C-alpha atoms as a PDB file:
ATOM      1  CA  MET A   1      23.341  13.497  25.548  1.00  0.00           C
ATOM      2  CA  ARG A   2      24.061  12.448  29.107  1.00  0.00           C
ATOM      3  CA  LEU A   3      21.417  10.805  31.266  1.00  0.00           C
ATOM      4  CA  ARG A   4      20.990   9.958  34.934  1.00  0.00           C
ATOM      5  CA  VAL A   5      18.911   6.936  35.867  1.00  0.00           C
ATOM      6  CA  GLU A   6      17.510   6.362  39.352  1.00  0.00           C
ATOM      7  CA  PHE A   7      15.700   3.139  40.187  1.00  0.00           C
ATOM      8  CA  THR A   8      14.448   0.804  42.895  1.00  0.00           C
ATOM      9  CA  THR A   9      13.028  -2.691  42.702  1.00  0.00           C
ATOM     10  CA  GLU A  10      10.404  -4.243  44.938  1.00  0.00           C
ATOM     11  CA  PRO A  11       9.442  -6.104  47.049  1.00  0.00           C
ATOM     12  CA  PHE A  12      11.931  -4.974  49.676  1.00  0.00           C
ATOM     13  CA  ASP A  13      13.683  -7.366  52.008  1.00  0.00           C
ATOM     14  CA  LEU A  14      15.595  -5.759  54.867  1.00  0.00           C
ATOM     15  CA  GLU A  15      17.349  -9.005  55.833  1.00  0.00           C
ATOM     16  CA  GLU A  16      19.143  -9.664  52.538  1.00  0.00           C
ATOM     17  CA  ALA A  17      19.151  -8.380  48.979  1.00  0.00           C
ATOM     18  CA  PRO A  18      16.455 -10.160  46.961  1.00  0.00           C
ATOM     19  CA  ALA A  19      17.367 -11.815  43.658  1.00  0.00           C
ATOM     20  CA  HIS A  20      15.698  -9.041  41.642  1.00  0.00           C
ATOM     21  CA  ALA A  21      17.756  -6.359  43.395  1.00  0.00           C
ATOM     22  CA  VAL A  22      20.961  -8.315  42.821  1.00  0.00           C
ATOM     23  CA  ALA A  23      20.070  -8.750  39.129  1.00  0.00           C
ATOM     24  CA  ALA A  24      19.457  -5.019  38.678  1.00  0.00           C
ATOM     25  CA  ARG A  25      22.661  -4.138  40.539  1.00  0.00           C
ATOM     26  CA  GLU A  26      24.706  -6.494  38.368  1.00  0.00           C
ATOM     27  CA  VAL A  27      23.327  -4.963  35.168  1.00  0.00           C
ATOM     28  CA  ILE A  28      24.220  -1.450  36.273  1.00  0.00           C
ATOM     29  CA  GLN A  29      27.676  -2.392  37.542  1.00  0.00           C
ATOM     30  CA  LYS A  30      28.535  -4.147  34.250  1.00  0.00           C
ATOM     31  CA  ALA A  31      27.148  -1.385  32.025  1.00  0.00           C
ATOM     32  CA  GLN A  32      30.218   0.890  31.773  1.00  0.00           C
ATOM     33  CA  LEU A  33      28.331   3.850  33.256  1.00  0.00           C
ATOM     34  CA  ASP A  34      29.706   6.770  35.267  1.00  0.00           C
ATOM     35  CA  ALA A  35      28.946   7.705  38.853  1.00  0.00           C
ATOM     36  CA  VAL A  36      27.275   4.424  39.794  1.00  0.00           C
ATOM     37  CA  ASP A  37      25.848   4.484  43.321  1.00  0.00           C
ATOM     38  CA  VAL A  38      24.118   1.328  44.529  1.00  0.00           C
ATOM     39  CA  GLY A  39      22.280   1.341  47.856  1.00  0.00           C
ATOM     40  CA  PRO A  40      19.595  -0.566  49.743  1.00  0.00           C
ATOM     41  CA  PHE A  41      16.784   1.898  48.952  1.00  0.00           C
ATOM     42  CA  GLY A  42      17.829   3.392  45.626  1.00  0.00           C
ATOM     43  CA  ASN A  43      20.393   3.259  42.887  1.00  0.00           C
ATOM     44  CA  THR A  44      21.749   5.858  40.475  1.00  0.00           C
ATOM     45  CA  ALA A  45      24.056   5.909  37.500  1.00  0.00           C
ATOM     46  CA  GLU A  46      25.031   8.386  34.811  1.00  0.00           C
ATOM     47  CA  GLY A  47      26.350   8.040  31.319  1.00  0.00           C
ATOM     48  CA  GLU A  48      25.844   8.648  27.647  1.00  0.00           C
ATOM     49  CA  SER A  49      22.324   7.959  26.421  1.00  0.00           C
ATOM     50  CA  GLY A  50      23.091   4.765  24.470  1.00  0.00           C
ATOM     51  CA  PRO A  51      24.644   2.818  27.335  1.00  0.00           C
ATOM     52  CA  VAL A  52      22.126   4.160  29.881  1.00  0.00           C
ATOM     53  CA  LEU A  53      19.116   3.188  27.767  1.00  0.00           C
ATOM     54  CA  ALA A  54      20.591  -0.251  27.050  1.00  0.00           C
ATOM     55  CA  ALA A  55      21.198  -0.736  30.781  1.00  0.00           C
ATOM     56  CA  VAL A  56      17.623   0.336  31.602  1.00  0.00           C
ATOM     57  CA  ALA A  57      16.218  -2.246  29.180  1.00  0.00           C
ATOM     58  CA  ALA A  58      18.448  -4.964  30.646  1.00  0.00           C
ATOM     59  CA  LEU A  59      17.694  -4.097  34.262  1.00  0.00           C
ATOM     60  CA  LEU A  60      13.948  -4.131  33.602  1.00  0.00           C
ATOM     61  CA  ARG A  61      14.152  -7.504  31.867  1.00  0.00           C
ATOM     62  CA  ASP A  62      16.514  -9.109  34.381  1.00  0.00           C
ATOM     63  CA  SER A  63      14.899  -7.784  37.550  1.00  0.00           C
ATOM     64  CA  LEU A  64      11.369  -8.729  36.433  1.00  0.00           C
ATOM     65  CA  GLU A  65      12.565 -12.195  35.440  1.00  0.00           C
ATOM     66  CA  ALA A  66      14.188 -12.494  38.896  1.00  0.00           C
ATOM     67  CA  GLY A  67      10.919 -11.767  40.710  1.00  0.00           C
ATOM     68  CA  ALA A  68      10.506  -7.989  40.964  1.00  0.00           C
ATOM     69  CA  THR A  69       6.874  -6.984  41.298  1.00  0.00           C
ATOM     70  CA  ARG A  70       7.609  -3.295  40.780  1.00  0.00           C
ATOM     71  CA  VAL A  71      10.446  -1.285  39.296  1.00  0.00           C
ATOM     72  CA  SER A  72      10.378   2.452  39.956  1.00  0.00           C
ATOM     73  CA  LEU A  73      12.473   4.297  37.423  1.00  0.00           C
ATOM     74  CA  GLN A  74      13.350   7.885  36.637  1.00  0.00           C
ATOM     75  CA  VAL A  75      15.564   9.087  33.796  1.00  0.00           C
ATOM     76  CA  ASN A  76      16.792  12.683  33.650  1.00  0.00           C
ATOM     77  CA  VAL A  77      18.643  14.489  30.888  1.00  0.00           C
ATOM     78  CA  LEU A  78      21.707  16.156  32.352  1.00  0.00           C
ATOM     79  CA  GLY A  79      22.330  19.734  31.218  1.00  0.00           C
ATOM     80  CA  GLU A  80      25.478  20.821  29.487  1.00  0.00           C
ATOM     81  CA  GLU A  81      27.737  23.040  31.583  1.00  0.00           C
ATOM     82  CA  THR A  82      28.301  26.405  29.887  1.00  0.00           C
ATOM     83  CA  PRO A  83      31.345  28.545  30.723  1.00  0.00           C
END
C-alpha cells in the first residue's frame, strides 16, 4: 500500500526555520520516500506504508522534542491505477 503524508509543525517563524521544522524536514529527507516536497507552510511525501509510517513516528518524536507545540498531519492511502 502506498501512502501520502502531509504535515506542518508549529509555531511558525517567518524569519527562519524553527528547530522543530528543521527536525521534521530532516526526518522526511532521510526516510527514503518518494515525491518529497518540503516548503515553508507544508510538507508532503509519498512511499510504501512501512517507510511512511516509520517516518511519521520519527517526525512526531523529533519535532516535539525540538519544541513543536502542534503537528498537523494527514495520511492518505493512494489508489492503485487500473488500466
